[in-house]
Amino acid sequence: MATCPECDAEIEVDEFDVDKGDQLSCPDCGSNLEVVGLSPIELDLAPDDEDDDDDDDDELEDDDVEGDEDDDADEEEDEGDGGFDE
C-alpha cells in the first residue's frame, strides 16, 4: 500500500509490478503520481507535461530574438557600406 501525497488516499500498488520513475493515477483524486521509492513504495506528484511544453516554447522565443538581432546587424552593415560608396 502507498499513500497519495495529494489526498492521502491509500493506493494498492504491487511493489513487484512497479519500478522507480513509473507513473500512475490516484483512483480517488485523479492526480498523476510518480513512484519515487520502492521499499516501502513511496509516491510523489508527477511533473506536469505541460511545463515541458512551456520550456520548449521559451527556447523557440529565444531563437526568434537571436534571429532579430542578426537582422539588425546586417542592416547596420548595409548602411555603413552605402556611406563609403558615395
PDB file of N, CA and C in Angstrom:
ATOM      1  N   MET A   1       0.832  -1.182   0.000  1.00  0.00           N
ATOM      2  CA  MET A   1       0.000   0.000   0.000  1.00  0.00           C
ATOM      3  C   MET A   1       0.879   1.247   0.000  1.00  0.00           C
ATOM      4  N   ALA A   2       0.390   2.269  -0.674  1.00  0.00           N
ATOM      5  CA  ALA A   2       1.073   3.560  -0.718  1.00  0.00           C
ATOM      6  C   ALA A   2       0.037   4.648  -0.467  1.00  0.00           C
ATOM      7  N   THR A   3       0.517   5.829  -0.138  1.00  0.00           N
ATOM      8  CA  THR A   3      -0.383   6.935   0.164  1.00  0.00           C
ATOM      9  C   THR A   3      -0.237   8.029  -0.885  1.00  0.00           C
ATOM     10  N   CYS A   4      -1.364   8.527  -1.381  1.00  0.00           N
ATOM     11  CA  CYS A   4      -1.358   9.626  -2.333  1.00  0.00           C
ATOM     12  C   CYS A   4      -0.928  10.898  -1.601  1.00  0.00           C
ATOM     13  N   PRO A   5       0.100  11.586  -2.107  1.00  0.00           N
ATOM     14  CA  PRO A   5       0.552  12.812  -1.444  1.00  0.00           C
ATOM     15  C   PRO A   5      -0.432  13.972  -1.590  1.00  0.00           C
ATOM     16  N   GLU A   6      -1.370  13.859  -2.510  1.00  0.00           N
ATOM     17  CA  GLU A   6      -2.343  14.928  -2.748  1.00  0.00           C
ATOM     18  C   GLU A   6      -3.554  14.815  -1.826  1.00  0.00           C
ATOM     19  N   CYS A   7      -4.142  13.608  -1.721  1.00  0.00           N
ATOM     20  CA  CYS A   7      -5.387  13.450  -0.959  1.00  0.00           C
ATOM     21  C   CYS A   7      -5.273  12.460   0.197  1.00  0.00           C
ATOM     22  N   ASP A   8      -4.102  11.874   0.395  1.00  0.00           N
ATOM     23  CA  ASP A   8      -3.829  10.914   1.477  1.00  0.00           C
ATOM     24  C   ASP A   8      -4.616   9.612   1.355  1.00  0.00           C
ATOM     25  N   ALA A   9      -5.126   9.315   0.177  1.00  0.00           N
ATOM     26  CA  ALA A   9      -5.836   8.054  -0.043  1.00  0.00           C
ATOM     27  C   ALA A   9      -4.823   6.901  -0.062  1.00  0.00           C
ATOM     28  N   GLU A  10      -5.244   5.752   0.431  1.00  0.00           N
ATOM     29  CA  GLU A  10      -4.416   4.551   0.371  1.00  0.00           C
ATOM     30  C   GLU A  10      -4.563   3.937  -1.024  1.00  0.00           C
ATOM     31  N   ILE A  11      -3.432   3.718  -1.689  1.00  0.00           N
ATOM     32  CA  ILE A  11      -3.432   3.172  -3.045  1.00  0.00           C
ATOM     33  C   ILE A  11      -2.735   1.827  -3.013  1.00  0.00           C
ATOM     34  N   GLU A  12      -3.399   0.822  -3.569  1.00  0.00           N
ATOM     35  CA  GLU A  12      -2.811  -0.506  -3.610  1.00  0.00           C
ATOM     36  C   GLU A  12      -1.853  -0.587  -4.797  1.00  0.00           C
ATOM     37  N   VAL A  13      -0.573  -0.765  -4.488  1.00  0.00           N
ATOM     38  CA  VAL A  13       0.459  -0.849  -5.517  1.00  0.00           C
ATOM     39  C   VAL A  13       1.274  -2.101  -5.244  1.00  0.00           C
ATOM     40  N   ASP A  14       1.395  -2.951  -6.253  1.00  0.00           N
ATOM     41  CA  ASP A  14       2.209  -4.161  -6.118  1.00  0.00           C
ATOM     42  C   ASP A  14       3.666  -3.784  -6.360  1.00  0.00           C
ATOM     43  N   GLU A  15       4.486  -3.881  -5.326  1.00  0.00           N
ATOM     44  CA  GLU A  15       5.874  -3.438  -5.430  1.00  0.00           C
ATOM     45  C   GLU A  15       6.678  -4.228  -6.465  1.00  0.00           C
ATOM     46  N   PHE A  16       6.177  -5.383  -6.863  1.00  0.00           N
ATOM     47  CA  PHE A  16       6.879  -6.182  -7.868  1.00  0.00           C
ATOM     48  C   PHE A  16       6.492  -5.783  -9.292  1.00  0.00           C
ATOM     49  N   ASP A  17       5.421  -5.014  -9.424  1.00  0.00           N
ATOM     50  CA  ASP A  17       4.945  -4.599 -10.739  1.00  0.00           C
ATOM     51  C   ASP A  17       5.367  -3.186 -11.122  1.00  0.00           C
ATOM     52  N   VAL A  18       6.009  -2.457 -10.207  1.00  0.00           N
ATOM     53  CA  VAL A  18       6.400  -1.078 -10.498  1.00  0.00           C
ATOM     54  C   VAL A  18       7.903  -0.900 -10.322  1.00  0.00           C
ATOM     55  N   ASP A  19       8.422   0.090 -11.025  1.00  0.00           N
ATOM     56  CA  ASP A  19       9.825   0.476 -10.906  1.00  0.00           C
ATOM     57  C   ASP A  19       9.876   1.946 -10.525  1.00  0.00           C
ATOM     58  N   LYS A  20      10.994   2.358  -9.995  1.00  0.00           N
ATOM     59  CA  LYS A  20      11.179   3.766  -9.662  1.00  0.00           C
ATOM     60  C   LYS A  20      11.052   4.587 -10.947  1.00  0.00           C
ATOM     61  N   GLY A  21      10.281   5.659 -10.897  1.00  0.00           N
ATOM     62  CA  GLY A  21      10.055   6.501 -12.071  1.00  0.00           C
ATOM     63  C   GLY A  21       8.754   6.196 -12.795  1.00  0.00           C
ATOM     64  N   ASP A  22       8.124   5.055 -12.485  1.00  0.00           N
ATOM     65  CA  ASP A  22       6.837   4.728 -13.107  1.00  0.00           C
ATOM     66  C   ASP A  22       5.784   5.732 -12.657  1.00  0.00           C
ATOM     67  N   GLN A  23       4.799   5.956 -13.517  1.00  0.00           N
ATOM     68  CA  GLN A  23       3.725   6.887 -13.184  1.00  0.00           C
ATOM     69  C   GLN A  23       2.400   6.155 -13.129  1.00  0.00           C
ATOM     70  N   LEU A  24       1.530   6.634 -12.231  1.00  0.00           N
ATOM     71  CA  LEU A  24       0.191   6.081 -12.102  1.00  0.00           C
ATOM     72  C   LEU A  24      -0.741   7.187 -11.646  1.00  0.00           C
ATOM     73  N   SER A  25      -2.033   6.901 -11.641  1.00  0.00           N
ATOM     74  CA  SER A  25      -3.032   7.892 -11.231  1.00  0.00           C
ATOM     75  C   SER A  25      -3.681   7.470  -9.926  1.00  0.00           C
ATOM     76  N   CYS A  26      -3.985   8.433  -9.085  1.00  0.00           N
ATOM     77  CA  CYS A  26      -4.719   8.166  -7.856  1.00  0.00           C
ATOM     78  C   CYS A  26      -6.176   7.890  -8.229  1.00  0.00           C
ATOM     79  N   PRO A  27      -6.712   6.755  -7.793  1.00  0.00           N
ATOM     80  CA  PRO A  27      -8.106   6.453  -8.133  1.00  0.00           C
ATOM     81  C   PRO A  27      -9.106   7.390  -7.442  1.00  0.00           C
ATOM     82  N   ASP A  28      -8.702   8.035  -6.352  1.00  0.00           N
ATOM     83  CA  ASP A  28      -9.622   8.916  -5.626  1.00  0.00           C
ATOM     84  C   ASP A  28      -9.640  10.335  -6.194  1.00  0.00           C
ATOM     85  N   CYS A  29      -8.454  10.959  -6.322  1.00  0.00           N
ATOM     86  CA  CYS A  29      -8.421  12.368  -6.744  1.00  0.00           C
ATOM     87  C   CYS A  29      -7.967  12.559  -8.185  1.00  0.00           C
ATOM     88  N   GLY A  30      -7.418  11.505  -8.819  1.00  0.00           N
ATOM     89  CA  GLY A  30      -7.013  11.583 -10.218  1.00  0.00           C
ATOM     90  C   GLY A  30      -5.648  12.209 -10.451  1.00  0.00           C
ATOM     91  N   SER A  31      -4.909  12.523  -9.389  1.00  0.00           N
ATOM     92  CA  SER A  31      -3.578  13.123  -9.551  1.00  0.00           C
ATOM     93  C   SER A  31      -2.621  12.151 -10.231  1.00  0.00           C
ATOM     94  N   ASN A  32      -1.745  12.695 -11.069  1.00  0.00           N
ATOM     95  CA  ASN A  32      -0.695  11.893 -11.676  1.00  0.00           C
ATOM     96  C   ASN A  32       0.429  11.760 -10.664  1.00  0.00           C
ATOM     97  N   LEU A  33       0.804  10.520 -10.373  1.00  0.00           N
ATOM     98  CA  LEU A  33       1.797  10.237  -9.352  1.00  0.00           C
ATOM     99  C   LEU A  33       2.987   9.503  -9.951  1.00  0.00           C
ATOM    100  N   GLU A  34       4.136   9.674  -9.323  1.00  0.00           N
ATOM    101  CA  GLU A  34       5.360   9.006  -9.757  1.00  0.00           C
ATOM    102  C   GLU A  34       5.908   8.191  -8.601  1.00  0.00           C
ATOM    103  N   VAL A  35       6.370   6.976  -8.896  1.00  0.00           N
ATOM    104  CA  VAL A  35       6.987   6.130  -7.884  1.00  0.00           C
ATOM    105  C   VAL A  35       8.395   6.664  -7.636  1.00  0.00           C
ATOM    106  N   VAL A  36       8.651   7.109  -6.392  1.00  0.00           N
ATOM    107  CA  VAL A  36       9.958   7.680  -6.053  1.00  0.00           C
ATOM    108  C   VAL A  36      10.735   6.791  -5.090  1.00  0.00           C
ATOM    109  N   GLY A  37      10.079   5.782  -4.537  1.00  0.00           N
ATOM    110  CA  GLY A  37      10.748   4.842  -3.641  1.00  0.00           C
ATOM    111  C   GLY A  37      10.095   3.480  -3.762  1.00  0.00           C
ATOM    112  N   LEU A  38      10.882   2.424  -3.582  1.00  0.00           N
ATOM    113  CA  LEU A  38      10.355   1.074  -3.791  1.00  0.00           C
ATOM    114  C   LEU A  38      10.152   0.285  -2.508  1.00  0.00           C
ATOM    115  N   SER A  39      10.918   0.523  -1.477  1.00  0.00           N
ATOM    116  CA  SER A  39      10.787  -0.297  -0.278  1.00  0.00           C
ATOM    117  C   SER A  39      10.910   0.574   0.954  1.00  0.00           C
ATOM    118  N   PRO A  40       9.829   1.085   1.454  1.00  0.00           N
ATOM    119  CA  PRO A  40       8.439   0.880   1.022  1.00  0.00           C
ATOM    120  C   PRO A  40       8.109   1.738  -0.202  1.00  0.00           C
ATOM    121  N   ILE A  41       6.995   1.424  -0.842  1.00  0.00           N
ATOM    122  CA  ILE A  41       6.551   2.190  -2.004  1.00  0.00           C
ATOM    123  C   ILE A  41       6.262   3.624  -1.569  1.00  0.00           C
ATOM    124  N   GLU A  42       6.892   4.586  -2.244  1.00  0.00           N
ATOM    125  CA  GLU A  42       6.650   5.999  -1.983  1.00  0.00           C
ATOM    126  C   GLU A  42       6.208   6.661  -3.280  1.00  0.00           C
ATOM    127  N   LEU A  43       5.190   7.503  -3.164  1.00  0.00           N
ATOM    128  CA  LEU A  43       4.663   8.215  -4.326  1.00  0.00           C
ATOM    129  C   LEU A  43       4.827   9.714  -4.124  1.00  0.00           C
ATOM    130  N   ASP A  44       5.037  10.422  -5.233  1.00  0.00           N
ATOM    131  CA  ASP A  44       5.095  11.879  -5.219  1.00  0.00           C
ATOM    132  C   ASP A  44       4.324  12.368  -6.440  1.00  0.00           C
ATOM    133  N   LEU A  45       3.938  13.630  -6.434  1.00  0.00           N
ATOM    134  CA  LEU A  45       3.243  14.183  -7.601  1.00  0.00           C
ATOM    135  C   LEU A  45       4.173  14.147  -8.804  1.00  0.00           C
ATOM    136  N   ALA A  46       3.667  13.659  -9.911  1.00  0.00           N
ATOM    137  CA  ALA A  46       4.458  13.579 -11.140  1.00  0.00           C
ATOM    138  C   ALA A  46       4.574  14.967 -11.749  1.00  0.00           C
ATOM    139  N   PRO A  47       5.710  15.262 -12.382  1.00  0.00           N
ATOM    140  CA  PRO A  47       5.834  16.559 -13.059  1.00  0.00           C
ATOM    141  C   PRO A  47       4.836  16.655 -14.199  1.00  0.00           C
ATOM    142  N   ASP A  48       4.277  17.855 -14.387  1.00  0.00           N
ATOM    143  CA  ASP A  48       3.312  18.068 -15.470  1.00  0.00           C
ATOM    144  C   ASP A  48       4.022  18.095 -16.804  1.00  0.00           C
ATOM    145  N   ASP A  49       3.407  17.457 -17.810  1.00  0.00           N
ATOM    146  CA  ASP A  49       3.962  17.510 -19.162  1.00  0.00           C
ATOM    147  C   ASP A  49       3.799  18.907 -19.750  1.00  0.00           C
ATOM    148  N   GLU A  50       2.785  19.645 -19.276  1.00  0.00           N
ATOM    149  CA  GLU A  50       2.540  20.990 -19.789  1.00  0.00           C
ATOM    150  C   GLU A  50       3.738  21.893 -19.529  1.00  0.00           C
ATOM    151  N   ASP A  51       4.407  21.716 -18.387  1.00  0.00           N
ATOM    152  CA  ASP A  51       5.577  22.540 -18.081  1.00  0.00           C
ATOM    153  C   ASP A  51       6.684  22.309 -19.094  1.00  0.00           C
ATOM    154  N   ASP A  52       6.852  21.059 -19.515  1.00  0.00           N
ATOM    155  CA  ASP A  52       7.878  20.767 -20.510  1.00  0.00           C
ATOM    156  C   ASP A  52       7.576  21.484 -21.821  1.00  0.00           C
ATOM    157  N   ASP A  53       6.295  21.529 -22.198  1.00  0.00           N
ATOM    158  CA  ASP A  53       5.910  22.222 -23.419  1.00  0.00           C
ATOM    159  C   ASP A  53       6.234  23.711 -23.313  1.00  0.00           C
ATOM    160  N   ASP A  54       6.016  24.302 -22.143  1.00  0.00           N
ATOM    161  CA  ASP A  54       6.317  25.715 -21.953  1.00  0.00           C
ATOM    162  C   ASP A  54       7.806  25.980 -22.122  1.00  0.00           C
ATOM    163  N   ASP A  55       8.640  25.072 -21.626  1.00  0.00           N
ATOM    164  CA  ASP A  55      10.084  25.243 -21.771  1.00  0.00           C
ATOM    165  C   ASP A  55      10.480  25.244 -23.238  1.00  0.00           C
ATOM    166  N   ASP A  56       9.854  24.370 -24.030  1.00  0.00           N
ATOM    167  CA  ASP A  56      10.164  24.325 -25.456  1.00  0.00           C
ATOM    168  C   ASP A  56       9.776  25.637 -26.129  1.00  0.00           C
ATOM    169  N   ASP A  57       8.632  26.202 -25.734  1.00  0.00           N
ATOM    170  CA  ASP A  57       8.196  27.469 -26.312  1.00  0.00           C
ATOM    171  C   ASP A  57       9.180  28.576 -25.982  1.00  0.00           C
ATOM    172  N   ASP A  58       9.700  28.586 -24.755  1.00  0.00           N
ATOM    173  CA  ASP A  58      10.668  29.600 -24.360  1.00  0.00           C
ATOM    174  C   ASP A  58      11.919  29.520 -25.222  1.00  0.00           C
ATOM    175  N   GLU A  59      12.359  28.300 -25.515  1.00  0.00           N
ATOM    176  CA  GLU A  59      13.555  28.138 -26.341  1.00  0.00           C
ATOM    177  C   GLU A  59      13.313  28.697 -27.741  1.00  0.00           C
ATOM    178  N   LEU A  60      12.131  28.475 -28.294  1.00  0.00           N
ATOM    179  CA  LEU A  60      11.829  28.992 -29.618  1.00  0.00           C
ATOM    180  C   LEU A  60      11.798  30.513 -29.598  1.00  0.00           C
ATOM    181  N   GLU A  61      11.231  31.099 -28.545  1.00  0.00           N
ATOM    182  CA  GLU A  61      11.189  32.550 -28.441  1.00  0.00           C
ATOM    183  C   GLU A  61      12.598  33.115 -28.369  1.00  0.00           C
ATOM    184  N   ASP A  62      13.498  32.458 -27.635  1.00  0.00           N
ATOM    185  CA  ASP A  62      14.877  32.916 -27.541  1.00  0.00           C
ATOM    186  C   ASP A  62      15.542  32.868 -28.915  1.00  0.00           C
ATOM    187  N   ASP A  63      15.259  31.826 -29.692  1.00  0.00           N
ATOM    188  CA  ASP A  63      15.834  31.711 -31.032  1.00  0.00           C
ATOM    189  C   ASP A  63      15.336  32.850 -31.918  1.00  0.00           C
ATOM    190  N   ASP A  64      14.045  33.194 -31.787  1.00  0.00           N
ATOM    191  CA  ASP A  64      13.499  34.278 -32.586  1.00  0.00           C
ATOM    192  C   ASP A  64      14.194  35.591 -32.264  1.00  0.00           C
ATOM    193  N   VAL A  65      14.465  35.835 -31.001  1.00  0.00           N
ATOM    194  CA  VAL A  65      15.114  37.075 -30.588  1.00  0.00           C
ATOM    195  C   VAL A  65      16.524  37.136 -31.165  1.00  0.00           C
ATOM    196  N   GLU A  66      17.227  36.011 -31.122  1.00  0.00           N
ATOM    197  CA  GLU A  66      18.578  35.982 -31.672  1.00  0.00           C
ATOM    198  C   GLU A  66      18.548  36.262 -33.169  1.00  0.00           C
ATOM    199  N   GLY A  67      17.554  35.726 -33.863  1.00  0.00           N
ATOM    200  CA  GLY A  67      17.433  35.963 -35.300  1.00  0.00           C
ATOM    201  C   GLY A  67      17.195  37.426 -35.593  1.00  0.00           C
ATOM    202  N   ASP A  68      16.405  38.105 -34.751  1.00  0.00           N
ATOM    203  CA  ASP A  68      16.140  39.524 -34.937  1.00  0.00           C
ATOM    204  C   ASP A  68      17.413  40.340 -34.763  1.00  0.00           C
ATOM    205  N   GLU A  69      18.252  39.962 -33.811  1.00  0.00           N
ATOM    206  CA  GLU A  69      19.499  40.690 -33.577  1.00  0.00           C
ATOM    207  C   GLU A  69      20.405  40.586 -34.801  1.00  0.00           C
ATOM    208  N   ASP A  70      20.445  39.414 -35.423  1.00  0.00           N
ATOM    209  CA  ASP A  70      21.279  39.232 -36.607  1.00  0.00           C
ATOM    210  C   ASP A  70      20.792  40.111 -37.748  1.00  0.00           C
ATOM    211  N   ASP A  71      19.466  40.230 -37.895  1.00  0.00           N
ATOM    212  CA  ASP A  71      18.911  41.066 -38.947  1.00  0.00           C
ATOM    213  C   ASP A  71      19.310  42.520 -38.734  1.00  0.00           C
ATOM    214  N   ASP A  72      19.274  42.997 -37.498  1.00  0.00           N
ATOM    215  CA  ASP A  72      19.653  44.371 -37.185  1.00  0.00           C
ATOM    216  C   ASP A  72      21.111  44.619 -37.529  1.00  0.00           C
ATOM    217  N   ALA A  73      21.969  43.647 -37.245  1.00  0.00           N
ATOM    218  CA  ALA A  73      23.394  43.798 -37.529  1.00  0.00           C
ATOM    219  C   ALA A  73      23.625  43.905 -39.034  1.00  0.00           C
ATOM    220  N   ASP A  74      22.881  43.136 -39.818  1.00  0.00           N
ATOM    221  CA  ASP A  74      23.030  43.186 -41.272  1.00  0.00           C
ATOM    222  C   ASP A  74      22.610  44.554 -41.804  1.00  0.00           C
ATOM    223  N   GLU A  75      21.537  45.130 -41.243  1.00  0.00           N
ATOM    224  CA  GLU A  75      21.069  46.432 -41.689  1.00  0.00           C
ATOM    225  C   GLU A  75      22.114  47.504 -41.402  1.00  0.00           C
ATOM    226  N   GLU A  76      22.758  47.426 -40.242  1.00  0.00           N
ATOM    227  CA  GLU A  76      23.781  48.414 -39.890  1.00  0.00           C
ATOM    228  C   GLU A  76      24.964  48.321 -40.851  1.00  0.00           C
ATOM    229  N   GLU A  77      25.341  47.099 -41.210  1.00  0.00           N
ATOM    230  CA  GLU A  77      26.452  46.922 -42.140  1.00  0.00           C
ATOM    231  C   GLU A  77      26.094  47.500 -43.494  1.00  0.00           C
ATOM    232  N   ASP A  78      24.846  47.309 -43.954  1.00  0.00           N
ATOM    233  CA  ASP A  78      24.426  47.823 -45.242  1.00  0.00           C
ATOM    234  C   ASP A  78      24.479  49.356 -45.235  1.00  0.00           C
ATOM    235  N   GLU A  79      24.033  49.992 -44.153  1.00  0.00           N
ATOM    236  CA  GLU A  79      24.063  51.440 -44.068  1.00  0.00           C
ATOM    237  C   GLU A  79      25.500  51.958 -44.091  1.00  0.00           C
ATOM    238  N   GLY A  80      26.392  51.265 -43.402  1.00  0.00           N
ATOM    239  CA  GLY A  80      27.779  51.667 -43.355  1.00  0.00           C
ATOM    240  C   GLY A  80      28.445  51.547 -44.720  1.00  0.00           C
ATOM    241  N   ASP A  81      28.145  50.490 -45.459  1.00  0.00           N
ATOM    242  CA  ASP A  81      28.747  50.316 -46.782  1.00  0.00           C
ATOM    243  C   ASP A  81      28.250  51.371 -47.768  1.00  0.00           C
ATOM    244  N   GLY A  82      26.970  51.740 -47.625  1.00  0.00           N
ATOM    245  CA  GLY A  82      26.381  52.732 -48.523  1.00  0.00           C
ATOM    246  C   GLY A  82      27.061  54.094 -48.366  1.00  0.00           C
ATOM    247  N   GLY A  83      27.485  54.430 -47.162  1.00  0.00           N
ATOM    248  CA  GLY A  83      28.104  55.719 -46.925  1.00  0.00           C
ATOM    249  C   GLY A  83      29.483  55.815 -47.549  1.00  0.00           C
ATOM    250  N   PHE A  84      30.199  54.695 -47.636  1.00  0.00           N
ATOM    251  CA  PHE A  84      31.549  54.727 -48.179  1.00  0.00           C
ATOM    252  C   PHE A  84      31.547  54.792 -49.712  1.00  0.00           C
ATOM    253  N   ASP A  85      30.522  54.206 -50.325  1.00  0.00           N
ATOM    254  CA  ASP A  85      30.478  54.177 -51.776  1.00  0.00           C
ATOM    255  C   ASP A  85      30.136  55.537 -52.376  1.00  0.00           C
ATOM    256  N   GLU A  86      29.499  56.419 -51.631  1.00  0.00           N
ATOM    257  CA  GLU A  86      29.043  57.693 -52.194  1.00  0.00           C
ATOM    258  C   GLU A  86      30.105  58.685 -52.259  1.00  0.00           C
TER     259      GLU A  86
END
